[in-house]
């Protein structure tokens, strides 16, 4: 038995083939009752559009490449959800690639996605050399999401306001009476912005000499080891502000192993408001980086680039908020 065709769907729905094509693409030119008739006919017949044939006719694959710097970071989950929801609503599909794995194999991180002829590229997180995307941006629209590194011409950046977010975290701890506050710092432009904002906030409150900054690799293990060093100091901090939630989890583990109670003996603040921070037994005070909104904004930028490919790159910063939970309390 031959598979159903678009002609079969048109005959079952009582419409033309061109209207079936428009309805299946979600075109606004199709009246709701006609679209419902087409979708019902396609469902009853078991019809599935030939994506390869449509790609050839449209000169598009209707796929968006998403290049992730680190698949292990849970902050990306909410961002991808926001990104995919808007792409899907516009008939586009995501293809994911691991930039770190591609670099280890000697490939340019974006090459596997470009080989699949994606229509656009969203780069999520910090890449070692975002300037290398210049050649890609000359061919297809490119958006950087969650990154603050300088972008090549024509590339849009969508990220959180890291300076504001770090200031919220530091002022929260200062407002609780903490004076010896440590920052577990990160790397890249995002890490630098959060560190500089923390230091500037401490200076404004006359606490520059009590601010301690320790570098980390933004992992749980890195947060753990850094916190062990901090808590081993004779003037150990009474509060820790970590560059992300993952490092904050490491800080909580270190405090527990050293016999300190959180938040009675040590207050801890994270950054990103990931699903881990919202676990009941963690209940981490953290900065909400509006990752879902960043994902939707990145998708919107990409869609706008499809309509108007020219113009300089734009920078959009989402406004973070502080989520106060159970890991911070007044200094004892």
C-alpha atoms as a PDB file:
ATOM      1  CA  UNK A   1       0.000   0.000   0.000  1.00  0.00           C
ATOM      2  CA  UNK A   2       1.451   3.347  -1.060  1.00  0.00           C
ATOM      3  CA  UNK A   3       1.919   6.072   1.552  1.00  0.00           C
ATOM      4  CA  UNK A   4      -0.602   8.933   1.467  1.00  0.00           C
ATOM      5  CA  UNK A   5       0.336  12.018  -0.556  1.00  0.00           C
ATOM      6  CA  UNK A   6      -0.472  15.693  -0.283  1.00  0.00           C
ATOM      7  CA  UNK A   7      -3.045  15.153  -3.068  1.00  0.00           C
ATOM      8  CA  UNK A   8      -4.829  12.582  -0.866  1.00  0.00           C
ATOM      9  CA  UNK A   9      -4.952  15.069   2.018  1.00  0.00           C
ATOM     10  CA  UNK A  10      -6.323  17.778  -0.284  1.00  0.00           C
ATOM     11  CA  UNK A  11      -9.079  15.473  -1.578  1.00  0.00           C
ATOM     12  CA  UNK A  12     -10.027  14.311   1.918  1.00  0.00           C
ATOM     13  CA  UNK A  13     -10.158  17.919   3.232  1.00  0.00           C
ATOM     14  CA  UNK A  14     -11.861  19.286   0.100  1.00  0.00           C
ATOM     15  CA  UNK A  15      -9.184  21.914  -0.542  1.00  0.00           C
ATOM     16  CA  UNK A  16      -6.351  22.534  -3.010  1.00  0.00           C
ATOM     17  CA  UNK A  17      -2.837  21.113  -2.695  1.00  0.00           C
ATOM     18  CA  UNK A  18      -1.402  24.607  -2.284  1.00  0.00           C
ATOM     19  CA  UNK A  19      -3.732  25.279   0.647  1.00  0.00           C
ATOM     20  CA  UNK A  20      -2.659  21.996   2.267  1.00  0.00           C
ATOM     21  CA  UNK A  21       0.961  23.091   1.947  1.00  0.00           C
ATOM     22  CA  UNK A  22       0.200  26.469   3.522  1.00  0.00           C
ATOM     23  CA  UNK A  23      -1.783  24.901   6.355  1.00  0.00           C
ATOM     24  CA  UNK A  24       0.956  22.388   7.203  1.00  0.00           C
ATOM     25  CA  UNK A  25       3.493  25.226   7.349  1.00  0.00           C
ATOM     26  CA  UNK A  26       1.284  27.134   9.787  1.00  0.00           C
ATOM     27  CA  UNK A  27       0.659  30.037   7.418  1.00  0.00           C
ATOM     28  CA  UNK A  28      -1.560  32.886   8.654  1.00  0.00           C
ATOM     29  CA  UNK A  29      -3.196  32.990   5.220  1.00  0.00           C
ATOM     30  CA  UNK A  30      -5.270  29.878   6.024  1.00  0.00           C
ATOM     31  CA  UNK A  31      -8.569  30.286   7.848  1.00  0.00           C
ATOM     32  CA  UNK A  32      -8.814  28.307  11.118  1.00  0.00           C
ATOM     33  CA  UNK A  33     -11.617  26.021   9.899  1.00  0.00           C
ATOM     34  CA  UNK A  34      -9.635  25.124   6.756  1.00  0.00           C
ATOM     35  CA  UNK A  35      -6.497  24.475   8.782  1.00  0.00           C
ATOM     36  CA  UNK A  36      -8.440  22.203  11.134  1.00  0.00           C
ATOM     37  CA  UNK A  37      -9.850  20.287   8.165  1.00  0.00           C
ATOM     38  CA  UNK A  38      -6.384  19.800   6.665  1.00  0.00           C
ATOM     39  CA  UNK A  39      -4.818  18.694   9.948  1.00  0.00           C
ATOM     40  CA  UNK A  40      -7.683  16.301  10.600  1.00  0.00           C
ATOM     41  CA  UNK A  41      -7.369  14.787   7.111  1.00  0.00           C
ATOM     42  CA  UNK A  42      -3.600  14.413   7.471  1.00  0.00           C
ATOM     43  CA  UNK A  43      -4.035  12.731  10.862  1.00  0.00           C
ATOM     44  CA  UNK A  44      -6.706  10.334   9.580  1.00  0.00           C
ATOM     45  CA  UNK A  45      -4.597   9.361   6.564  1.00  0.00           C
ATOM     46  CA  UNK A  46      -1.346   9.132   8.501  1.00  0.00           C
ATOM     47  CA  UNK A  47       0.255  11.663   6.184  1.00  0.00           C
ATOM     48  CA  UNK A  48       3.731  12.997   7.019  1.00  0.00           C
ATOM     49  CA  UNK A  49       5.283  15.790   4.930  1.00  0.00           C
ATOM     50  CA  UNK A  50       8.440  14.937   3.022  1.00  0.00           C
ATOM     51  CA  UNK A  51      10.917  17.167   4.808  1.00  0.00           C
ATOM     52  CA  UNK A  52      13.717  16.507   2.311  1.00  0.00           C
ATOM     53  CA  UNK A  53      11.573  17.440  -0.681  1.00  0.00           C
ATOM     54  CA  UNK A  54      10.318  20.571   1.038  1.00  0.00           C
ATOM     55  CA  UNK A  55      13.886  21.601   1.888  1.00  0.00           C
ATOM     56  CA  UNK A  56      14.881  21.288  -1.765  1.00  0.00           C
ATOM     57  CA  UNK A  57      11.950  23.339  -2.974  1.00  0.00           C
ATOM     58  CA  UNK A  58      12.400  26.059  -0.357  1.00  0.00           C
ATOM     59  CA  UNK A  59      16.230  26.035  -0.386  1.00  0.00           C
ATOM     60  CA  UNK A  60      15.993  25.731   3.401  1.00  0.00           C
ATOM     61  CA  UNK A  61      16.287  22.851   5.839  1.00  0.00           C
ATOM     62  CA  UNK A  62      14.106  24.556   8.488  1.00  0.00           C
ATOM     63  CA  UNK A  63      16.639  23.478  11.110  1.00  0.00           C
ATOM     64  CA  UNK A  64      18.579  25.645  13.566  1.00  0.00           C
ATOM     65  CA  UNK A  65      21.958  24.546  14.838  1.00  0.00           C
ATOM     66  CA  UNK A  66      22.503  24.989  18.574  1.00  0.00           C
ATOM     67  CA  UNK A  67      26.116  24.841  19.696  1.00  0.00           C
ATOM     68  CA  UNK A  68      26.487  24.191  23.440  1.00  0.00           C
ATOM     69  CA  UNK A  69      29.730  24.968  25.195  1.00  0.00           C
ATOM     70  CA  UNK A  70      29.023  22.557  28.060  1.00  0.00           C
ATOM     71  CA  UNK A  71      26.229  19.980  27.988  1.00  0.00           C
ATOM     72  CA  UNK A  72      26.626  19.400  31.744  1.00  0.00           C
ATOM     73  CA  UNK A  73      25.501  22.863  32.822  1.00  0.00           C
ATOM     74  CA  UNK A  74      21.834  22.718  33.954  1.00  0.00           C
ATOM     75  CA  UNK A  75      21.401  26.452  33.285  1.00  0.00           C
ATOM     76  CA  UNK A  76      21.162  25.623  29.595  1.00  0.00           C
ATOM     77  CA  UNK A  77      18.027  23.506  30.080  1.00  0.00           C
ATOM     78  CA  UNK A  78      15.681  26.432  30.702  1.00  0.00           C
ATOM     79  CA  UNK A  79      17.382  28.472  27.990  1.00  0.00           C
ATOM     80  CA  UNK A  80      16.896  25.693  25.451  1.00  0.00           C
ATOM     81  CA  UNK A  81      13.263  25.327  26.493  1.00  0.00           C
ATOM     82  CA  UNK A  82      12.645  29.012  25.806  1.00  0.00           C
ATOM     83  CA  UNK A  83      14.573  28.848  22.539  1.00  0.00           C
ATOM     84  CA  UNK A  84      12.836  25.725  21.270  1.00  0.00           C
ATOM     85  CA  UNK A  85       9.318  26.871  22.173  1.00  0.00           C
ATOM     86  CA  UNK A  86       9.508  29.846  19.816  1.00  0.00           C
ATOM     87  CA  UNK A  87      11.431  28.026  17.089  1.00  0.00           C
ATOM     88  CA  UNK A  88       8.901  25.185  17.127  1.00  0.00           C
ATOM     89  CA  UNK A  89       6.010  27.649  16.915  1.00  0.00           C
ATOM     90  CA  UNK A  90       7.594  28.950  13.712  1.00  0.00           C
ATOM     91  CA  UNK A  91       8.108  25.545  12.112  1.00  0.00           C
ATOM     92  CA  UNK A  92      11.806  25.224  12.939  1.00  0.00           C
ATOM     93  CA  UNK A  93      13.678  22.357  14.623  1.00  0.00           C
ATOM     94  CA  UNK A  94      16.815  22.355  16.771  1.00  0.00           C
ATOM     95  CA  UNK A  95      19.934  20.316  16.131  1.00  0.00           C
ATOM     96  CA  UNK A  96      22.311  20.179  19.120  1.00  0.00           C
ATOM     97  CA  UNK A  97      26.086  19.875  19.013  1.00  0.00           C
ATOM     98  CA  UNK A  98      28.690  19.755  21.803  1.00  0.00           C
ATOM     99  CA  UNK A  99      31.337  22.412  21.140  1.00  0.00           C
ATOM    100  CA  UNK A 100      33.745  20.948  23.699  1.00  0.00           C
ATOM    101  CA  UNK A 101      33.611  17.478  22.137  1.00  0.00           C
ATOM    102  CA  UNK A 102      34.078  18.888  18.634  1.00  0.00           C
ATOM    103  CA  UNK A 103      37.177  20.828  19.729  1.00  0.00           C
ATOM    104  CA  UNK A 104      38.684  17.702  21.301  1.00  0.00           C
ATOM    105  CA  UNK A 105      38.277  15.867  18.008  1.00  0.00           C
ATOM    106  CA  UNK A 106      40.071  18.659  16.169  1.00  0.00           C
ATOM    107  CA  UNK A 107      36.998  20.043  14.422  1.00  0.00           C
ATOM    108  CA  UNK A 108      35.836  23.593  14.245  1.00  0.00           C
ATOM    109  CA  UNK A 109      32.938  23.535  16.749  1.00  0.00           C
ATOM    110  CA  UNK A 110      30.314  24.651  14.226  1.00  0.00           C
ATOM    111  CA  UNK A 111      31.412  22.388  11.342  1.00  0.00           C
ATOM    112  CA  UNK A 112      29.072  19.418  11.998  1.00  0.00           C
ATOM    113  CA  UNK A 113      26.071  21.740  12.055  1.00  0.00           C
ATOM    114  CA  UNK A 114      27.161  23.589   8.926  1.00  0.00           C
ATOM    115  CA  UNK A 115      27.613  20.248   7.147  1.00  0.00           C
ATOM    116  CA  UNK A 116      23.907  19.617   7.821  1.00  0.00           C
ATOM    117  CA  UNK A 117      23.101  22.962   6.141  1.00  0.00           C
ATOM    118  CA  UNK A 118      21.320  24.537   9.101  1.00  0.00           C
ATOM    119  CA  UNK A 119      19.491  27.780   8.370  1.00  0.00           C
ATOM    120  CA  UNK A 120      20.860  29.566  11.431  1.00  0.00           C
ATOM    121  CA  UNK A 121      23.117  29.083  14.439  1.00  0.00           C
ATOM    122  CA  UNK A 122      22.612  29.799  18.142  1.00  0.00           C
ATOM    123  CA  UNK A 123      25.759  29.539  20.255  1.00  0.00           C
ATOM    124  CA  UNK A 124      24.955  28.926  23.928  1.00  0.00           C
ATOM    125  CA  UNK A 125      27.537  29.728  26.571  1.00  0.00           C
ATOM    126  CA  UNK A 126      31.126  30.917  26.387  1.00  0.00           C
ATOM    127  CA  UNK A 127      33.300  29.841  23.471  1.00  0.00           C
ATOM    128  CA  UNK A 128      37.093  30.265  23.613  1.00  0.00           C
ATOM    129  CA  UNK A 129      37.153  32.207  20.327  1.00  0.00           C
ATOM    130  CA  UNK A 130      33.776  33.679  19.344  1.00  0.00           C
ATOM    131  CA  UNK A 131      35.533  35.799  16.693  1.00  0.00           C
ATOM    132  CA  UNK A 132      35.952  32.584  14.710  1.00  0.00           C
ATOM    133  CA  UNK A 133      32.212  32.705  14.047  1.00  0.00           C
ATOM    134  CA  UNK A 134      32.735  35.646  11.694  1.00  0.00           C
ATOM    135  CA  UNK A 135      32.933  33.416   8.614  1.00  0.00           C
ATOM    136  CA  UNK A 136      29.802  31.558   9.681  1.00  0.00           C
ATOM    137  CA  UNK A 137      27.914  34.817  10.274  1.00  0.00           C
ATOM    138  CA  UNK A 138      28.682  35.868   6.715  1.00  0.00           C
ATOM    139  CA  UNK A 139      26.698  32.845   5.477  1.00  0.00           C
ATOM    140  CA  UNK A 140      23.846  32.352   7.964  1.00  0.00           C
ATOM    141  CA  UNK A 141      22.330  34.281  10.910  1.00  0.00           C
ATOM    142  CA  UNK A 142      24.204  33.716  14.193  1.00  0.00           C
ATOM    143  CA  UNK A 143      23.107  34.596  17.735  1.00  0.00           C
ATOM    144  CA  UNK A 144      25.175  34.256  20.925  1.00  0.00           C
ATOM    145  CA  UNK A 145      23.009  33.361  23.940  1.00  0.00           C
ATOM    146  CA  UNK A 146      24.266  33.658  27.510  1.00  0.00           C
ATOM    147  CA  UNK A 147      27.683  34.913  26.414  1.00  0.00           C
ATOM    148  CA  UNK A 148      29.240  38.370  26.816  1.00  0.00           C
ATOM    149  CA  UNK A 149      32.367  37.896  24.708  1.00  0.00           C
ATOM    150  CA  UNK A 150      32.878  40.396  21.856  1.00  0.00           C
ATOM    151  CA  UNK A 151      30.965  39.152  18.812  1.00  0.00           C
ATOM    152  CA  UNK A 152      31.844  39.410  15.117  1.00  0.00           C
ATOM    153  CA  UNK A 153      29.954  42.017  13.042  1.00  0.00           C
ATOM    154  CA  UNK A 154      26.324  41.157  12.416  1.00  0.00           C
ATOM    155  CA  UNK A 155      26.075  38.716  15.334  1.00  0.00           C
ATOM    156  CA  UNK A 156      23.480  39.409  18.022  1.00  0.00           C
ATOM    157  CA  UNK A 157      24.152  38.819  21.731  1.00  0.00           C
ATOM    158  CA  UNK A 158      21.380  37.938  24.186  1.00  0.00           C
ATOM    159  CA  UNK A 159      22.399  37.497  27.815  1.00  0.00           C
ATOM    160  CA  UNK A 160      21.611  38.423  31.390  1.00  0.00           C
ATOM    161  CA  UNK A 161      22.792  41.646  33.008  1.00  0.00           C
ATOM    162  CA  UNK A 162      25.648  40.048  34.952  1.00  0.00           C
ATOM    163  CA  UNK A 163      26.757  43.266  36.653  1.00  0.00           C
ATOM    164  CA  UNK A 164      23.283  43.894  38.045  1.00  0.00           C
ATOM    165  CA  UNK A 165      22.893  40.275  39.124  1.00  0.00           C
ATOM    166  CA  UNK A 166      26.175  40.177  41.025  1.00  0.00           C
ATOM    167  CA  UNK A 167      25.319  43.480  42.686  1.00  0.00           C
ATOM    168  CA  UNK A 168      21.992  42.044  43.876  1.00  0.00           C
ATOM    169  CA  UNK A 169      23.776  39.061  45.419  1.00  0.00           C
ATOM    170  CA  UNK A 170      26.455  41.133  47.164  1.00  0.00           C
ATOM    171  CA  UNK A 171      23.999  43.735  48.487  1.00  0.00           C
ATOM    172  CA  UNK A 172      21.755  40.982  49.836  1.00  0.00           C
ATOM    173  CA  UNK A 173      24.613  39.562  51.903  1.00  0.00           C
ATOM    174  CA  UNK A 174      25.772  43.007  53.035  1.00  0.00           C
ATOM    175  CA  UNK A 175      22.202  43.839  54.031  1.00  0.00           C
ATOM    176  CA  UNK A 176      22.180  40.738  56.242  1.00  0.00           C
ATOM    177  CA  UNK A 177      25.157  42.128  58.148  1.00  0.00           C
ATOM    178  CA  UNK A 178      27.902  40.074  56.522  1.00  0.00           C
ATOM    179  CA  UNK A 179      31.252  41.814  56.157  1.00  0.00           C
ATOM    180  CA  UNK A 180      33.733  39.026  55.385  1.00  0.00           C
ATOM    181  CA  UNK A 181      32.276  37.925  52.042  1.00  0.00           C
ATOM    182  CA  UNK A 182      34.069  35.703  49.528  1.00  0.00           C
ATOM    183  CA  UNK A 183      33.366  35.326  45.826  1.00  0.00           C
ATOM    184  CA  UNK A 184      34.006  32.044  44.037  1.00  0.00           C
ATOM    185  CA  UNK A 185      34.861  33.520  40.641  1.00  0.00           C
ATOM    186  CA  UNK A 186      34.529  32.090  37.146  1.00  0.00           C
ATOM    187  CA  UNK A 187      36.170  32.607  33.778  1.00  0.00           C
ATOM    188  CA  UNK A 188      35.375  34.336  30.493  1.00  0.00           C
ATOM    189  CA  UNK A 189      33.561  37.641  30.064  1.00  0.00           C
ATOM    190  CA  UNK A 190      30.610  36.501  32.204  1.00  0.00           C
ATOM    191  CA  UNK A 191      32.886  35.499  35.074  1.00  0.00           C
ATOM    192  CA  UNK A 192      34.811  38.772  34.806  1.00  0.00           C
ATOM    193  CA  UNK A 193      31.647  40.887  34.858  1.00  0.00           C
ATOM    194  CA  UNK A 194      30.300  39.137  37.950  1.00  0.00           C
ATOM    195  CA  UNK A 195      33.637  39.388  39.756  1.00  0.00           C
ATOM    196  CA  UNK A 196      34.136  43.076  38.947  1.00  0.00           C
ATOM    197  CA  UNK A 197      30.587  43.924  40.005  1.00  0.00           C
ATOM    198  CA  UNK A 198      31.057  42.063  43.307  1.00  0.00           C
ATOM    199  CA  UNK A 199      34.296  43.940  43.996  1.00  0.00           C
ATOM    200  CA  UNK A 200      32.758  47.303  43.070  1.00  0.00           C
ATOM    201  CA  UNK A 201      29.783  46.695  45.363  1.00  0.00           C
ATOM    202  CA  UNK A 202      32.054  45.803  48.263  1.00  0.00           C
ATOM    203  CA  UNK A 203      34.072  48.987  47.648  1.00  0.00           C
ATOM    204  CA  UNK A 204      30.953  51.143  47.633  1.00  0.00           C
ATOM    205  CA  UNK A 205      30.065  49.800  51.076  1.00  0.00           C
ATOM    206  CA  UNK A 206      33.575  50.340  52.430  1.00  0.00           C
ATOM    207  CA  UNK A 207      34.302  46.608  52.551  1.00  0.00           C
ATOM    208  CA  UNK A 208      37.005  46.306  49.907  1.00  0.00           C
ATOM    209  CA  UNK A 209      39.560  45.038  52.427  1.00  0.00           C
ATOM    210  CA  UNK A 210      37.200  42.256  53.544  1.00  0.00           C
ATOM    211  CA  UNK A 211      36.312  41.045  50.043  1.00  0.00           C
ATOM    212  CA  UNK A 212      38.046  37.821  49.013  1.00  0.00           C
ATOM    213  CA  UNK A 213      38.041  36.493  45.443  1.00  0.00           C
ATOM    214  CA  UNK A 214      39.083  32.931  44.657  1.00  0.00           C
ATOM    215  CA  UNK A 215      39.126  31.612  41.073  1.00  0.00           C
ATOM    216  CA  UNK A 216      37.383  28.377  40.133  1.00  0.00           C
ATOM    217  CA  UNK A 217      36.488  26.387  37.037  1.00  0.00           C
ATOM    218  CA  UNK A 218      32.709  26.878  37.595  1.00  0.00           C
ATOM    219  CA  UNK A 219      32.171  23.175  38.398  1.00  0.00           C
ATOM    220  CA  UNK A 220      30.889  21.539  41.583  1.00  0.00           C
ATOM    221  CA  UNK A 221      34.325  20.120  42.333  1.00  0.00           C
ATOM    222  CA  UNK A 222      35.872  23.529  41.741  1.00  0.00           C
ATOM    223  CA  UNK A 223      33.374  25.163  44.082  1.00  0.00           C
ATOM    224  CA  UNK A 224      34.071  22.527  46.723  1.00  0.00           C
ATOM    225  CA  UNK A 225      37.860  22.876  46.606  1.00  0.00           C
ATOM    226  CA  UNK A 226      37.708  26.674  46.552  1.00  0.00           C
ATOM    227  CA  UNK A 227      35.390  26.742  49.570  1.00  0.00           C
ATOM    228  CA  UNK A 228      37.652  24.368  51.515  1.00  0.00           C
ATOM    229  CA  UNK A 229      40.494  26.848  50.963  1.00  0.00           C
ATOM    230  CA  UNK A 230      38.323  29.802  51.970  1.00  0.00           C
ATOM    231  CA  UNK A 231      37.044  28.156  55.149  1.00  0.00           C
ATOM    232  CA  UNK A 232      40.574  27.187  56.130  1.00  0.00           C
ATOM    233  CA  UNK A 233      41.575  30.841  56.459  1.00  0.00           C
ATOM    234  CA  UNK A 234      41.979  32.241  60.005  1.00  0.00           C
ATOM    235  CA  UNK A 235      39.587  35.060  59.026  1.00  0.00           C
ATOM    236  CA  UNK A 236      37.186  32.729  57.226  1.00  0.00           C
ATOM    237  CA  UNK A 237      34.251  34.387  55.452  1.00  0.00           C
ATOM    238  CA  UNK A 238      30.765  34.321  56.921  1.00  0.00           C
ATOM    239  CA  UNK A 239      29.223  34.351  53.439  1.00  0.00           C
ATOM    240  CA  UNK A 240      30.086  33.017  49.997  1.00  0.00           C
ATOM    241  CA  UNK A 241      28.773  34.253  46.639  1.00  0.00           C
ATOM    242  CA  UNK A 242      29.415  31.672  43.915  1.00  0.00           C
ATOM    243  CA  UNK A 243      29.638  32.461  40.216  1.00  0.00           C
ATOM    244  CA  UNK A 244      26.966  29.836  39.436  1.00  0.00           C
ATOM    245  CA  UNK A 245      24.684  27.332  41.141  1.00  0.00           C
ATOM    246  CA  UNK A 246      26.957  24.389  40.389  1.00  0.00           C
ATOM    247  CA  UNK A 247      29.878  25.993  42.249  1.00  0.00           C
ATOM    248  CA  UNK A 248      27.476  26.922  45.070  1.00  0.00           C
ATOM    249  CA  UNK A 249      26.521  23.255  45.464  1.00  0.00           C
ATOM    250  CA  UNK A 250      30.213  22.481  45.912  1.00  0.00           C
ATOM    251  CA  UNK A 251      30.383  25.222  48.552  1.00  0.00           C
ATOM    252  CA  UNK A 252      27.462  23.674  50.455  1.00  0.00           C
ATOM    253  CA  UNK A 253      29.197  20.283  50.414  1.00  0.00           C
ATOM    254  CA  UNK A 254      32.432  21.766  51.729  1.00  0.00           C
ATOM    255  CA  UNK A 255      30.634  23.588  54.554  1.00  0.00           C
ATOM    256  CA  UNK A 256      28.846  20.405  55.586  1.00  0.00           C
ATOM    257  CA  UNK A 257      32.009  18.329  55.628  1.00  0.00           C
ATOM    258  CA  UNK A 258      33.761  20.956  57.759  1.00  0.00           C
ATOM    259  CA  UNK A 259      30.940  20.942  60.290  1.00  0.00           C
ATOM    260  CA  UNK A 260      29.488  24.341  59.440  1.00  0.00           C
ATOM    261  CA  UNK A 261      25.736  24.856  59.353  1.00  0.00           C
ATOM    262  CA  UNK A 262      24.177  26.707  56.431  1.00  0.00           C
ATOM    263  CA  UNK A 263      22.952  29.389  56.874  1.00  0.00           C
ATOM    264  CA  UNK A 264      23.670  29.710  60.626  1.00  0.00           C
ATOM    265  CA  UNK A 265      27.476  29.548  60.254  1.00  0.00           C
ATOM    266  CA  UNK A 266      27.814  30.311  56.550  1.00  0.00           C
ATOM    267  CA  UNK A 267      25.476  31.968  54.043  1.00  0.00           C
ATOM    268  CA  UNK A 268      25.731  30.850  50.409  1.00  0.00           C
ATOM    269  CA  UNK A 269      24.384  32.525  47.253  1.00  0.00           C
ATOM    270  CA  UNK A 270      24.481  31.003  43.781  1.00  0.00           C
ATOM    271  CA  UNK A 271      23.747  32.333  40.326  1.00  0.00           C
ATOM    272  CA  UNK A 272      21.390  31.166  37.514  1.00  0.00           C
ATOM    273  CA  UNK A 273      18.415  29.769  39.498  1.00  0.00           C
ATOM    274  CA  UNK A 274      18.746  26.338  37.926  1.00  0.00           C
ATOM    275  CA  UNK A 275      16.498  23.399  38.760  1.00  0.00           C
ATOM    276  CA  UNK A 276      19.135  22.243  41.254  1.00  0.00           C
ATOM    277  CA  UNK A 277      18.728  25.452  43.264  1.00  0.00           C
ATOM    278  CA  UNK A 278      14.987  24.800  43.537  1.00  0.00           C
ATOM    279  CA  UNK A 279      15.343  21.294  44.996  1.00  0.00           C
ATOM    280  CA  UNK A 280      13.710  21.299  48.436  1.00  0.00           C
ATOM    281  CA  UNK A 281      16.694  19.898  50.300  1.00  0.00           C
ATOM    282  CA  UNK A 282      18.982  22.469  48.640  1.00  0.00           C
ATOM    283  CA  UNK A 283      16.697  25.535  48.482  1.00  0.00           C
ATOM    284  CA  UNK A 284      19.527  27.791  47.366  1.00  0.00           C
ATOM    285  CA  UNK A 285      19.373  31.571  47.439  1.00  0.00           C
ATOM    286  CA  UNK A 286      20.419  32.529  43.924  1.00  0.00           C
ATOM    287  CA  UNK A 287      20.212  35.089  41.148  1.00  0.00           C
ATOM    288  CA  UNK A 288      17.538  34.267  38.588  1.00  0.00           C
ATOM    289  CA  UNK A 289      19.184  34.928  35.234  1.00  0.00           C
ATOM    290  CA  UNK A 290      15.861  34.612  33.329  1.00  0.00           C
ATOM    291  CA  UNK A 291      17.316  31.857  31.166  1.00  0.00           C
ATOM    292  CA  UNK A 292      13.956  30.929  29.608  1.00  0.00           C
ATOM    293  CA  UNK A 293      13.474  34.550  28.522  1.00  0.00           C
ATOM    294  CA  UNK A 294      17.018  34.671  27.144  1.00  0.00           C
ATOM    295  CA  UNK A 295      16.240  31.594  25.024  1.00  0.00           C
ATOM    296  CA  UNK A 296      13.059  33.155  23.621  1.00  0.00           C
ATOM    297  CA  UNK A 297      14.851  36.410  22.906  1.00  0.00           C
ATOM    298  CA  UNK A 298      17.607  34.538  21.083  1.00  0.00           C
ATOM    299  CA  UNK A 299      15.003  32.789  18.930  1.00  0.00           C
ATOM    300  CA  UNK A 300      13.317  36.123  18.201  1.00  0.00           C
ATOM    301  CA  UNK A 301      16.646  37.636  17.118  1.00  0.00           C
ATOM    302  CA  UNK A 302      17.209  34.723  14.775  1.00  0.00           C
ATOM    303  CA  UNK A 303      13.743  35.031  13.243  1.00  0.00           C
ATOM    304  CA  UNK A 304      14.274  38.756  12.728  1.00  0.00           C
ATOM    305  CA  UNK A 305      17.596  38.034  11.019  1.00  0.00           C
ATOM    306  CA  UNK A 306      15.779  35.769   8.562  1.00  0.00           C
ATOM    307  CA  UNK A 307      13.589  38.738   7.626  1.00  0.00           C
ATOM    308  CA  UNK A 308      16.405  41.303   7.611  1.00  0.00           C
ATOM    309  CA  UNK A 309      19.878  39.802   7.343  1.00  0.00           C
ATOM    310  CA  UNK A 310      21.772  43.112   7.343  1.00  0.00           C
ATOM    311  CA  UNK A 311      22.653  45.524  10.092  1.00  0.00           C
ATOM    312  CA  UNK A 312      25.051  45.612  12.984  1.00  0.00           C
ATOM    313  CA  UNK A 313      24.917  43.122  15.805  1.00  0.00           C
ATOM    314  CA  UNK A 314      22.732  44.026  18.755  1.00  0.00           C
ATOM    315  CA  UNK A 315      23.147  43.350  22.479  1.00  0.00           C
ATOM    316  CA  UNK A 316      20.064  42.547  24.561  1.00  0.00           C
ATOM    317  CA  UNK A 317      20.389  42.161  28.332  1.00  0.00           C
ATOM    318  CA  UNK A 318      17.629  40.510  30.366  1.00  0.00           C
ATOM    319  CA  UNK A 319      17.040  41.863  33.879  1.00  0.00           C
ATOM    320  CA  UNK A 320      17.947  39.376  36.669  1.00  0.00           C
ATOM    321  CA  UNK A 321      16.205  39.101  40.034  1.00  0.00           C
ATOM    322  CA  UNK A 322      17.237  37.642  43.377  1.00  0.00           C
ATOM    323  CA  UNK A 323      15.497  34.507  44.654  1.00  0.00           C
ATOM    324  CA  UNK A 324      15.898  34.438  48.446  1.00  0.00           C
ATOM    325  CA  UNK A 325      15.593  30.926  49.856  1.00  0.00           C
ATOM    326  CA  UNK A 326      17.097  28.964  52.710  1.00  0.00           C
ATOM    327  CA  UNK A 327      20.871  29.300  52.385  1.00  0.00           C
ATOM    328  CA  UNK A 328      21.223  32.903  53.557  1.00  0.00           C
ATOM    329  CA  UNK A 329      20.581  34.439  56.990  1.00  0.00           C
ATOM    330  CA  UNK A 330      21.814  37.367  59.098  1.00  0.00           C
ATOM    331  CA  UNK A 331      25.444  37.165  60.131  1.00  0.00           C
ATOM    332  CA  UNK A 332      25.800  35.518  63.532  1.00  0.00           C
END
